Amino acid sequence: MLTARERGSPHEMTAHSDMSYPVRPLVPTTPAGISPAHSVRFYGDDGRFLDELSQFLGGALGAGGAAIVVATREHRDGLAQRLKMRGLDIAALVRRKRYIALDAAEMLARFMEAGVPDSARFTDVIGGIVARATAALGENPPVVIFGEMVALLSAEGNSQAAVRLEHLWNELGRTFSFTLYCAYPLSSFPRAEDGELLEHICAAHSQVIPTESYTSLIDEEARLREVTRLQQKAQALETEIKDRKKVQQALRERNQELRAAVAARDDFLSVAAHELKTPITSLRGFAQLLLRDARRQGEIAPERLRSALDTVERQTGKLQHLVTCLLDTAQLGTGKLRIEPVDTDLAGLVQAALAQHRGAGTHSFVFDGPEHLEVLVDPVRFGQVIAILLGNAVKFSPQGGVVTVRLEQDAEGNIRLSVTDHGVGIPPDQRVNIFNRFHQAHGTHHLSGMGLGLYITREIVELHGGFVHVEEPEHQGSRFVVGLSASVLARQVRVPQRA
């Protein structure tokens, strides 16, 4: 390793031989594997950087040593011009093999293999050049090298190769004696994530020289102020990065929610189209049948007319239910659904809903509850809740099955209404989402509807200050439970009428 060396003989000195070869103080201990004469310079201004580099190289040449420059054409030309301005005869130095200027890209091509520096080829190519330069000199002269091959690799995005090349230089320094000066434009590390690469590069050098904005400061006080300013900027950047990561995470989550919402919307539209198409197809079919009879026979048989009207009444009722669900969902989404509580016989409301289903004759219904129970609810909306729960019990249980409706009141006046069936039940993994909009617990494995009924049920019950949940009964099937607090009891909340 060469740092402070003896001056060359007087006849080898130029007119500017007073330019000394800069001796850089080395730290007492250097990490293992790192050459103590391997420094790295980060720069922001090309002109000032080349001025400093020409002083470094000129000092070694003026001391009778050799300089090897492995750089871009622009930097080679800039250095040659500045060295000439210092009084050095570049042409003579080249002839004597004391100044060797090489193209960085061409040198890389000679030892790179599949994007990675090959150790043996690097030693052969670069080691051979260093060996020839050393052999052309006298005893123990300074040999300095400026290389920016690593900067080219970094600029190409091949950061691993750049770090690997730095370590190959350190290995070569254990065979030959030279001082190596690497340089990177600071613009090569514009992003926060480049900090890790910067740390790896710095770790491969025994000395790190910051940009001219720091080295040009004239006293320690100014440098301490600059360090403090840079520390504040680093802290602010870290905070900004954390905030940006939070925003990015929130955006990713929101995008996932939007994708899920779009998927749910598409599924809903598909189901809604199917649900609406079924009654419309039935209505159209019976209308065509009646028209055909009227055209062929001039009249319609009473039995056929009665059957057709029954179907029309049933299918139009289904259409009305579907349209009501759609309108209710739209109102709930905009917060416009309102309830109008009045004194209502909840037991009578349940019995009326059961009477409609008993007429179909498909299931057996059991009611367990008081004959009357006066509460303050919206009879239309709460009747809708009961109809949805009974409709689901019928839909998801076998024909002829038993549906039990229990209405009870505890000692504190709280009300519990439950609807229990012996059907397919609710899969355990679906119970959390069963009341979500568009959710279908049984998917395509069962006639599930549009996934709006239980969502509307929950919203209406909550507007009444109550709750609804699903329970697993002691047998196969499901039990839906609606709970209302004692505050809905009509006798407790009736507002006195004015005289």
Protein backbone atom coordinates (compact mmCIF):
# COMPACT_ATOMS: atom_id res chain seq x y z
CA MET A 1 0.00 0.00 0.00
CA LEU A 2 1.39 3.38 -1.02
CA THR A 3 0.44 6.59 0.73
CA ALA A 4 3.42 8.83 1.59
CA ARG A 5 6.17 8.10 -0.88
CA GLU A 6 9.52 9.57 -1.73
CA ARG A 7 9.60 12.19 -4.46
CA GLY A 8 10.89 11.22 -7.91
CA SER A 9 14.22 12.50 -9.25
CA PRO A 10 14.38 16.21 -10.25
CA HIS A 11 14.57 15.52 -13.98
CA GLU A 12 11.23 13.66 -13.85
CA MET A 13 9.43 16.65 -12.31
CA THR A 14 7.38 19.07 -14.37
CA ALA A 15 7.20 22.81 -14.01
CA HIS A 16 4.48 22.25 -11.41
CA SER A 17 6.42 19.69 -9.39
CA ASP A 18 5.46 21.55 -6.22
CA MET A 19 2.05 19.85 -6.46
CA SER A 20 2.22 17.25 -3.75
CA TYR A 21 0.66 13.81 -3.93
CA PRO A 22 -2.19 14.06 -1.37
CA VAL A 23 -1.59 11.83 1.62
CA ARG A 24 -4.96 10.73 3.05
CA PRO A 25 -4.96 9.79 6.74
CA LEU A 26 -6.12 6.21 7.20
CA VAL A 27 -8.11 4.89 10.11
CA PRO A 28 -6.05 2.77 12.54
CA THR A 29 -8.06 -0.37 11.74
CA THR A 30 -9.55 -1.36 8.42
CA PRO A 31 -12.22 -4.07 8.10
CA ALA A 32 -10.86 -7.41 6.98
CA GLY A 33 -10.83 -7.84 3.20
CA ILE A 34 -10.90 -4.10 2.48
CA SER A 35 -7.85 -2.39 1.04
CA PRO A 36 -6.79 0.56 3.25
CA ALA A 37 -6.07 2.54 0.05
CA HIS A 38 -9.54 2.15 -1.46
CA SER A 39 -11.63 5.32 -1.25
CA VAL A 40 -14.94 6.31 -2.78
CA ARG A 41 -16.07 9.80 -3.75
CA PHE A 42 -19.68 10.84 -4.23
CA TYR A 43 -20.17 13.97 -6.31
CA GLY A 44 -22.89 16.20 -7.64
CA ASP A 45 -20.96 18.58 -9.89
CA ASP A 46 -18.85 17.09 -12.70
CA GLY A 47 -16.58 20.13 -13.06
CA ARG A 48 -15.63 20.38 -9.39
CA PHE A 49 -15.20 16.62 -9.20
CA LEU A 50 -12.79 16.57 -12.17
CA ASP A 51 -10.83 19.48 -10.67
CA GLU A 52 -10.31 17.49 -7.47
CA LEU A 53 -9.52 14.29 -9.37
CA SER A 54 -6.93 16.03 -11.55
CA GLN A 55 -5.20 17.26 -8.38
CA PHE A 56 -5.16 13.70 -7.00
CA LEU A 57 -3.77 12.16 -10.19
CA GLY A 58 -1.44 15.08 -10.90
CA GLY A 59 0.15 14.75 -7.47
CA ALA A 60 1.03 11.11 -8.12
CA LEU A 61 2.35 11.83 -11.62
CA GLY A 62 4.37 14.75 -10.32
CA ALA A 63 5.90 12.43 -7.73
CA GLY A 64 7.19 10.15 -10.47
CA GLY A 65 4.35 7.66 -10.22
CA ALA A 66 1.80 6.29 -12.63
CA ALA A 67 -1.90 6.94 -13.07
CA ILE A 68 -4.45 4.53 -14.52
CA VAL A 69 -7.78 6.04 -15.53
CA VAL A 70 -10.69 3.72 -16.35
CA ALA A 71 -13.50 6.15 -17.16
CA THR A 72 -16.01 7.41 -19.67
CA ARG A 73 -14.76 9.34 -22.69
CA GLU A 74 -16.15 12.58 -21.30
CA HIS A 75 -14.27 12.19 -18.03
CA ARG A 76 -11.06 11.02 -19.74
CA ASP A 77 -11.06 14.12 -21.95
CA GLY A 78 -11.86 16.40 -19.02
CA LEU A 79 -9.04 14.94 -16.92
CA ALA A 80 -6.49 15.17 -19.76
CA GLN A 81 -7.36 18.83 -20.31
CA ARG A 82 -7.00 19.67 -16.62
CA LEU A 83 -3.73 17.74 -16.27
CA LYS A 84 -2.29 19.64 -19.22
CA MET A 85 -3.33 22.89 -17.56
CA ARG A 86 -1.25 21.78 -14.56
CA GLY A 87 1.82 21.59 -16.81
CA LEU A 88 1.92 17.84 -17.31
CA ASP A 89 2.97 16.44 -20.71
CA ILE A 90 0.27 13.86 -21.18
CA ALA A 91 1.64 12.55 -24.51
CA ALA A 92 5.06 11.89 -22.95
CA LEU A 93 3.48 10.22 -19.91
CA VAL A 94 1.44 7.98 -22.20
CA ARG A 95 4.54 6.94 -24.16
CA ARG A 96 6.34 6.05 -20.95
CA LYS A 97 3.28 4.05 -19.78
CA ARG A 98 2.93 6.29 -16.74
CA TYR A 99 -0.49 7.55 -17.83
CA ILE A 100 -2.89 4.90 -19.02
CA ALA A 101 -6.40 6.00 -20.02
CA LEU A 102 -8.94 3.25 -20.73
CA ASP A 103 -12.61 3.18 -21.64
CA ALA A 104 -14.68 1.91 -18.72
CA ALA A 105 -17.34 0.21 -20.83
CA GLU A 106 -14.75 -1.60 -22.97
CA MET A 107 -12.91 -2.84 -19.88
CA LEU A 108 -16.14 -4.14 -18.36
CA ALA A 109 -16.89 -6.10 -21.52
CA ARG A 110 -13.57 -7.91 -21.18
CA PHE A 111 -14.27 -9.51 -17.80
CA MET A 112 -18.04 -9.57 -17.36
CA GLU A 113 -19.76 -12.92 -17.67
CA ALA A 114 -23.60 -13.10 -17.77
CA GLY A 115 -23.87 -9.72 -16.07
CA VAL A 116 -21.43 -10.62 -13.26
CA PRO A 117 -17.70 -9.78 -12.98
CA ASP A 118 -15.63 -12.92 -13.43
CA SER A 119 -12.86 -13.03 -10.81
CA ALA A 120 -10.22 -14.78 -12.93
CA ARG A 121 -10.83 -12.61 -16.00
CA PHE A 122 -10.79 -9.44 -13.87
CA THR A 123 -7.42 -10.40 -12.39
CA ASP A 124 -6.07 -11.23 -15.81
CA VAL A 125 -7.30 -8.03 -17.49
CA ILE A 126 -7.02 -5.35 -14.79
CA GLY A 127 -4.22 -7.05 -12.86
CA GLY A 128 -2.21 -7.25 -16.09
CA ILE A 129 -2.61 -3.52 -16.67
CA VAL A 130 -1.53 -2.69 -13.10
CA ALA A 131 1.43 -5.06 -13.41
CA ARG A 132 2.65 -3.41 -16.62
CA ALA A 133 2.30 0.07 -15.13
CA THR A 134 4.24 -0.97 -12.02
CA ALA A 135 7.01 -2.61 -14.05
CA ALA A 136 7.54 0.56 -16.10
CA LEU A 137 8.35 2.59 -12.96
CA GLY A 138 11.36 2.88 -10.76
CA GLU A 139 11.63 1.62 -7.21
CA ASN A 140 8.52 2.08 -5.04
CA PRO A 141 6.75 4.86 -7.01
CA PRO A 142 3.10 5.77 -6.33
CA VAL A 143 0.53 4.05 -8.52
CA VAL A 144 -2.95 5.58 -8.44
CA ILE A 145 -6.08 4.36 -10.18
CA PHE A 146 -9.31 6.12 -10.90
CA GLY A 147 -12.13 3.75 -11.86
CA GLU A 148 -15.77 4.37 -12.61
CA MET A 149 -16.68 0.96 -13.99
CA VAL A 150 -18.63 0.43 -10.79
CA ALA A 151 -20.56 3.65 -11.45
CA LEU A 152 -21.53 2.39 -14.91
CA LEU A 153 -22.83 -0.89 -13.45
CA SER A 154 -24.80 1.00 -10.82
CA ALA A 155 -26.28 3.34 -13.43
CA GLU A 156 -27.40 0.28 -15.44
CA GLY A 157 -29.23 -1.04 -12.38
CA ASN A 158 -26.74 -3.88 -11.87
CA SER A 159 -26.01 -2.97 -8.27
CA GLN A 160 -24.95 -6.48 -7.23
CA ALA A 161 -22.28 -6.51 -9.93
CA ALA A 162 -21.06 -3.07 -8.79
CA VAL A 163 -20.60 -4.25 -5.19
CA ARG A 164 -18.96 -7.45 -6.41
CA LEU A 165 -16.49 -5.42 -8.51
CA GLU A 166 -15.59 -3.27 -5.49
CA HIS A 167 -14.61 -6.43 -3.60
CA LEU A 168 -12.58 -7.70 -6.56
CA TRP A 169 -10.59 -4.44 -6.42
CA ASN A 170 -9.92 -5.15 -2.72
CA GLU A 171 -8.69 -8.64 -3.59
CA LEU A 172 -6.40 -7.22 -6.28
CA GLY A 173 -5.00 -4.77 -3.71
CA ARG A 174 -3.56 -7.70 -1.77
CA THR A 175 -1.41 -8.59 -4.81
CA PHE A 176 -0.41 -5.13 -6.13
CA SER A 177 0.39 -1.88 -4.36
CA PHE A 178 -1.83 0.99 -5.54
CA THR A 179 -4.24 3.62 -4.30
CA LEU A 180 -7.71 3.27 -5.80
CA TYR A 181 -10.15 6.15 -6.13
CA CYS A 182 -13.73 5.23 -7.10
CA ALA A 183 -16.51 7.71 -7.78
CA TYR A 184 -20.28 7.68 -8.10
CA PRO A 185 -22.57 10.57 -9.04
CA LEU A 186 -24.98 10.99 -6.13
CA SER A 187 -27.79 11.10 -8.69
CA SER A 188 -27.30 7.34 -9.06
CA PHE A 189 -29.11 6.92 -5.72
CA PRO A 190 -32.27 9.01 -6.09
CA ARG A 191 -34.69 6.77 -4.16
CA ALA A 192 -35.00 5.96 -0.50
CA GLU A 193 -34.62 2.25 -1.24
CA ASP A 194 -31.17 2.98 -2.72
CA GLY A 195 -29.89 3.50 0.82
CA GLU A 196 -29.11 -0.19 1.24
CA LEU A 197 -26.99 -0.23 -1.93
CA LEU A 198 -25.19 2.91 -0.76
CA GLU A 199 -24.37 1.20 2.54
CA HIS A 200 -22.95 -1.84 0.74
CA ILE A 201 -20.77 0.37 -1.45
CA CYS A 202 -19.48 2.37 1.50
CA ALA A 203 -18.75 -0.84 3.41
CA ALA A 204 -16.44 -1.97 0.58
CA HIS A 205 -14.20 1.12 1.00
CA SER A 206 -11.80 2.23 3.68
CA GLN A 207 -12.65 5.89 3.14
CA VAL A 208 -15.88 7.57 2.08
CA ILE A 209 -15.80 11.17 0.80
CA PRO A 210 -19.15 12.98 0.63
CA THR A 211 -20.18 15.41 -2.10
CA GLU A 212 -18.63 18.83 -2.59
CA SER A 213 -21.53 20.49 -0.75
CA TYR A 214 -19.97 19.06 2.42
CA THR A 215 -16.23 18.93 1.61
CA SER A 216 -16.23 22.58 0.51
CA LEU A 217 -17.26 23.76 3.99
CA ILE A 218 -14.33 25.62 5.51
CA ASP A 219 -14.64 24.96 9.25
CA GLU A 220 -15.90 22.37 11.70
CA GLU A 221 -18.81 24.52 12.88
CA ALA A 222 -20.18 24.77 9.35
CA ARG A 223 -19.81 21.03 8.88
CA LEU A 224 -21.65 20.30 12.13
CA ARG A 225 -24.48 22.56 11.00
CA GLU A 226 -24.61 20.76 7.67
CA VAL A 227 -24.66 17.36 9.40
CA THR A 228 -27.56 18.52 11.58
CA ARG A 229 -29.45 19.78 8.54
CA LEU A 230 -28.89 16.51 6.71
CA GLN A 231 -29.99 14.52 9.76
CA GLN A 232 -33.22 16.52 9.87
CA LYS A 233 -33.80 15.91 6.18
CA ALA A 234 -33.17 12.19 6.66
CA GLN A 235 -35.62 12.10 9.57
CA ALA A 236 -38.23 13.96 7.54
CA LEU A 237 -37.68 11.56 4.65
CA GLU A 238 -38.12 8.53 6.91
CA THR A 239 -41.35 10.00 8.25
CA GLU A 240 -42.56 10.71 4.72
CA ILE A 241 -41.71 7.16 3.68
CA LYS A 242 -43.65 5.72 6.61
CA ASP A 243 -46.63 7.94 5.83
CA ARG A 244 -46.46 7.00 2.17
CA LYS A 245 -46.35 3.31 3.03
CA LYS A 246 -49.46 3.75 5.17
CA VAL A 247 -51.23 5.53 2.31
CA GLN A 248 -50.13 2.83 -0.13
CA GLN A 249 -51.37 0.11 2.21
CA ALA A 250 -54.69 1.94 2.61
CA LEU A 251 -54.95 2.25 -1.18
CA ARG A 252 -54.21 -1.46 -1.62
CA GLU A 253 -56.87 -2.35 0.92
CA ARG A 254 -59.33 0.06 -0.69
CA ASN A 255 -58.58 -1.40 -4.11
CA GLN A 256 -59.24 -4.87 -2.74
CA GLU A 257 -62.52 -3.67 -1.28
CA LEU A 258 -63.48 -2.05 -4.59
CA ARG A 259 -62.60 -5.20 -6.52
CA ALA A 260 -64.66 -7.24 -4.08
CA ALA A 261 -67.53 -4.75 -4.40
CA VAL A 262 -67.40 -4.90 -8.19
CA ALA A 263 -67.35 -8.70 -8.08
CA ALA A 264 -70.30 -8.67 -5.65
CA ARG A 265 -72.15 -6.22 -7.88
CA ASP A 266 -71.60 -8.39 -10.95
CA ASP A 267 -72.76 -11.48 -9.07
CA PHE A 268 -75.79 -9.58 -7.80
CA LEU A 269 -76.74 -8.33 -11.26
CA SER A 270 -76.48 -11.86 -12.59
CA VAL A 271 -78.66 -13.24 -9.79
CA ALA A 272 -81.11 -10.32 -10.00
CA ALA A 273 -81.49 -10.84 -13.73
CA HIS A 274 -82.20 -14.51 -13.13
CA GLU A 275 -84.64 -13.81 -10.30
CA LEU A 276 -86.52 -11.21 -12.35
CA LYS A 277 -86.49 -13.30 -15.49
CA THR A 278 -88.18 -16.30 -13.86
CA PRO A 279 -91.53 -14.66 -12.97
CA ILE A 280 -91.50 -12.60 -16.17
CA THR A 281 -91.03 -15.76 -18.23
CA SER A 282 -93.87 -17.45 -16.35
CA LEU A 283 -96.18 -14.47 -16.84
CA ARG A 284 -95.36 -14.26 -20.53
CA GLY A 285 -95.90 -17.99 -20.96
CA PHE A 286 -99.37 -17.94 -19.42
CA ALA A 287 -100.31 -14.80 -21.35
CA GLN A 288 -99.36 -16.50 -24.61
CA LEU A 289 -101.26 -19.63 -23.61
CA LEU A 290 -104.43 -17.65 -22.84
CA LEU A 291 -104.10 -15.68 -26.09
CA ARG A 292 -103.73 -18.88 -28.08
CA ASP A 293 -106.87 -20.38 -26.50
CA ALA A 294 -108.79 -17.16 -27.11
CA ARG A 295 -107.76 -17.08 -30.79
CA ARG A 296 -108.42 -20.75 -31.44
CA GLN A 297 -111.56 -21.32 -29.40
CA GLY A 298 -112.92 -17.81 -29.00
CA GLU A 299 -113.08 -18.33 -25.24
CA ILE A 300 -110.94 -19.49 -22.31
CA ALA A 301 -111.92 -22.45 -20.18
CA PRO A 302 -112.75 -21.35 -16.59
CA GLU A 303 -110.32 -23.87 -15.06
CA ARG A 304 -107.45 -22.72 -17.26
CA LEU A 305 -108.28 -19.09 -16.58
CA ARG A 306 -108.33 -19.73 -12.85
CA SER A 307 -104.96 -21.51 -12.97
CA ALA A 308 -103.44 -18.73 -15.08
CA LEU A 309 -104.72 -16.03 -12.75
CA ASP A 310 -103.33 -17.91 -9.75
CA THR A 311 -99.93 -17.99 -11.45
CA VAL A 312 -100.16 -14.33 -12.42
CA GLU A 313 -101.04 -13.38 -8.85
CA ARG A 314 -98.18 -15.45 -7.44
CA GLN A 315 -95.57 -14.28 -9.93
CA THR A 316 -96.56 -10.63 -9.73
CA GLY A 317 -96.28 -10.94 -5.95
CA LYS A 318 -92.78 -12.29 -6.41
CA LEU A 319 -91.93 -9.44 -8.76
CA GLN A 320 -93.29 -6.95 -6.26
CA HIS A 321 -91.13 -8.53 -3.54
CA LEU A 322 -88.02 -8.36 -5.71
CA VAL A 323 -88.63 -4.75 -6.67
CA THR A 324 -89.32 -3.85 -3.04
CA CYS A 325 -86.02 -5.43 -2.00
CA LEU A 326 -84.17 -3.45 -4.64
CA LEU A 327 -85.80 -0.18 -3.61
CA ASP A 328 -85.22 -0.86 0.09
CA THR A 329 -81.56 -1.63 -0.57
CA ALA A 330 -81.16 1.60 -2.51
CA GLN A 331 -82.78 3.58 0.32
CA LEU A 332 -80.64 1.86 2.94
CA GLY A 333 -77.51 2.62 0.92
CA THR A 334 -78.35 6.33 0.91
CA GLY A 335 -79.66 6.40 4.49
CA LYS A 336 -83.17 7.32 3.33
CA LEU A 337 -85.08 4.32 4.68
CA ARG A 338 -87.26 5.49 7.53
CA ILE A 339 -89.60 3.70 9.93
CA GLU A 340 -92.88 4.98 11.37
CA PRO A 341 -93.48 3.16 14.68
CA VAL A 342 -97.08 2.91 15.87
CA ASP A 343 -98.89 0.74 18.38
CA THR A 344 -98.86 -2.73 16.82
CA ASP A 345 -99.96 -6.19 17.91
CA LEU A 346 -96.76 -8.11 17.20
CA ALA A 347 -98.44 -11.45 17.85
CA GLY A 348 -101.18 -10.58 15.36
CA LEU A 349 -98.50 -9.51 12.83
CA VAL A 350 -96.86 -12.93 13.14
CA GLN A 351 -100.16 -14.78 12.86
CA ALA A 352 -101.08 -12.84 9.69
CA ALA A 353 -97.75 -13.76 8.06
CA LEU A 354 -98.20 -17.41 9.04
CA ALA A 355 -101.70 -17.47 7.57
CA GLN A 356 -100.33 -16.53 4.14
CA HIS A 357 -97.82 -19.40 4.23
CA ARG A 358 -100.33 -21.94 5.61
CA GLY A 359 -102.44 -21.35 2.54
CA ALA A 360 -99.66 -22.70 0.29
CA GLY A 361 -99.80 -26.07 2.08
CA THR A 362 -96.10 -26.84 1.55
CA HIS A 363 -95.00 -26.78 5.21
CA SER A 364 -96.37 -27.15 8.71
CA PHE A 365 -96.21 -24.06 10.92
CA VAL A 366 -96.21 -23.92 14.71
CA PHE A 367 -96.68 -20.69 16.65
CA ASP A 368 -95.66 -20.56 20.30
CA GLY A 369 -96.44 -17.22 21.90
CA PRO A 370 -99.00 -14.95 23.49
CA GLU A 371 -102.31 -14.13 21.85
CA HIS A 372 -101.49 -10.41 21.85
CA LEU A 373 -98.33 -8.38 22.42
CA GLU A 374 -98.59 -4.64 21.93
CA VAL A 375 -95.36 -2.98 20.81
CA LEU A 376 -94.31 0.26 19.17
CA VAL A 377 -92.95 -0.75 15.73
CA ASP A 378 -93.46 0.04 12.08
CA PRO A 379 -96.03 -2.65 11.13
CA VAL A 380 -95.19 -2.56 7.42
CA ARG A 381 -91.43 -2.84 7.93
CA PHE A 382 -91.62 -5.33 10.77
CA GLY A 383 -94.13 -7.40 8.80
CA GLN A 384 -91.50 -7.40 6.06
CA VAL A 385 -88.94 -8.81 8.54
CA ILE A 386 -91.27 -11.62 9.55
CA ALA A 387 -92.10 -12.40 5.91
CA ILE A 388 -88.40 -12.61 4.98
CA LEU A 389 -87.57 -14.94 7.86
CA LEU A 390 -90.54 -17.19 7.13
CA GLY A 391 -89.77 -17.14 3.39
CA ASN A 392 -86.18 -18.24 4.04
CA ALA A 393 -87.35 -20.99 6.40
CA VAL A 394 -89.66 -22.34 3.69
CA LYS A 395 -87.07 -21.95 0.90
CA PHE A 396 -84.24 -23.69 2.73
CA SER A 397 -86.17 -26.58 4.32
CA PRO A 398 -87.75 -29.63 2.67
CA GLN A 399 -91.38 -29.63 1.62
CA GLY A 400 -93.58 -30.86 4.43
CA GLY A 401 -91.09 -29.72 7.05
CA VAL A 402 -92.01 -27.94 10.27
CA VAL A 403 -91.34 -24.23 10.82
CA THR A 404 -91.66 -23.02 14.41
CA VAL A 405 -92.18 -19.38 15.34
CA ARG A 406 -91.74 -18.52 19.00
CA LEU A 407 -92.57 -15.10 20.47
CA GLU A 408 -91.63 -14.55 24.10
CA GLN A 409 -90.99 -11.81 26.63
CA ASP A 410 -88.61 -12.05 29.58
CA ALA A 411 -89.07 -10.67 33.09
CA GLU A 412 -87.48 -7.35 32.12
CA GLY A 413 -89.81 -6.88 29.17
CA ASN A 414 -87.30 -7.69 26.43
CA ILE A 415 -88.81 -9.44 23.41
CA ARG A 416 -87.40 -12.41 21.51
CA LEU A 417 -88.86 -13.60 18.21
CA SER A 418 -87.34 -16.76 16.70
CA VAL A 419 -87.99 -18.67 13.49
CA THR A 420 -86.69 -22.25 13.45
CA ASP A 421 -86.65 -24.67 10.50
CA HIS A 422 -85.38 -28.20 9.82
CA GLY A 423 -83.61 -27.34 6.58
CA VAL A 424 -80.07 -27.24 5.21
CA GLY A 425 -78.78 -24.93 7.95
CA ILE A 426 -76.11 -22.23 7.69
CA PRO A 427 -72.49 -23.34 7.11
CA PRO A 428 -70.39 -22.26 10.15
CA ASP A 429 -67.97 -20.25 7.97
CA GLN A 430 -70.89 -18.27 6.52
CA ARG A 431 -72.56 -17.14 9.73
CA VAL A 432 -70.40 -14.04 10.15
CA ASN A 433 -71.35 -12.67 6.71
CA ILE A 434 -74.91 -13.95 6.44
CA PHE A 435 -76.42 -10.48 7.00
CA ASN A 436 -74.12 -8.69 4.54
CA ARG A 437 -75.56 -7.21 1.37
CA PHE A 438 -75.51 -9.55 -1.66
CA HIS A 439 -74.13 -12.40 0.43
CA GLN A 440 -75.42 -15.86 -0.43
CA ALA A 441 -74.58 -18.48 2.17
CA HIS A 442 -75.23 -21.44 -0.13
CA GLY A 443 -73.84 -19.95 -3.34
CA THR A 444 -74.79 -21.90 -6.43
CA HIS A 445 -75.57 -25.08 -4.47
CA HIS A 446 -79.04 -23.90 -3.56
CA LEU A 447 -81.65 -21.41 -4.67
CA SER A 448 -80.31 -18.45 -2.70
CA GLY A 449 -82.10 -15.43 -4.13
CA MET A 450 -80.42 -12.05 -4.47
CA GLY A 451 -78.73 -11.99 -1.07
CA LEU A 452 -80.75 -8.97 0.10
CA GLY A 453 -83.40 -10.35 2.44
CA LEU A 454 -81.30 -10.84 5.56
CA TYR A 455 -79.43 -7.59 4.90
CA ILE A 456 -82.74 -5.70 4.81
CA THR A 457 -83.91 -7.61 7.89
CA ARG A 458 -80.87 -6.56 9.91
CA GLU A 459 -81.17 -2.93 8.87
CA ILE A 460 -84.89 -2.73 9.73
CA VAL A 461 -84.41 -4.43 13.09
CA GLU A 462 -81.50 -2.13 13.96
CA LEU A 463 -83.62 0.89 13.02
CA HIS A 464 -85.99 -0.36 15.76
CA GLY A 465 -83.06 -0.50 18.21
CA GLY A 466 -82.94 -4.29 18.14
CA PHE A 467 -80.65 -7.04 16.88
CA VAL A 468 -80.86 -10.18 14.78
CA HIS A 469 -78.56 -13.18 14.71
CA VAL A 470 -78.51 -16.81 13.66
CA GLU A 471 -78.29 -19.75 16.06
CA GLU A 472 -77.69 -23.44 15.56
CA PRO A 473 -80.68 -25.39 16.92
CA GLU A 474 -80.45 -28.79 18.58
CA HIS A 475 -81.45 -30.44 15.30
CA GLN A 476 -80.61 -29.98 11.62
CA GLY A 477 -81.63 -26.56 10.40
CA SER A 478 -81.39 -22.90 11.36
CA ARG A 479 -82.83 -20.55 13.93
CA PHE A 480 -82.99 -16.82 13.33
CA VAL A 481 -83.55 -14.68 16.40
CA VAL A 482 -84.80 -11.08 16.51
CA GLY A 483 -84.39 -9.24 19.80
CA LEU A 484 -86.14 -6.03 20.85
CA SER A 485 -85.58 -4.16 24.08
CA ALA A 486 -88.38 -3.41 26.53
CA SER A 487 -88.40 0.18 25.29
CA VAL A 488 -90.58 -0.84 22.33
CA LEU A 489 -93.44 -1.88 24.60
CA ALA A 490 -96.32 0.36 23.62
CA ARG A 491 -97.45 1.13 27.12
CA GLN A 492 -94.01 2.48 28.06
CA VAL A 493 -93.31 4.69 25.08
CA ARG A 494 -96.75 5.99 24.06
CA VAL A 495 -96.70 9.76 23.82
CA PRO A 496 -99.69 11.36 25.62
CA GLN A 497 -102.20 12.87 23.22
CA ARG A 498 -102.89 16.59 23.48
CA ALA A 499 -106.34 17.70 24.53
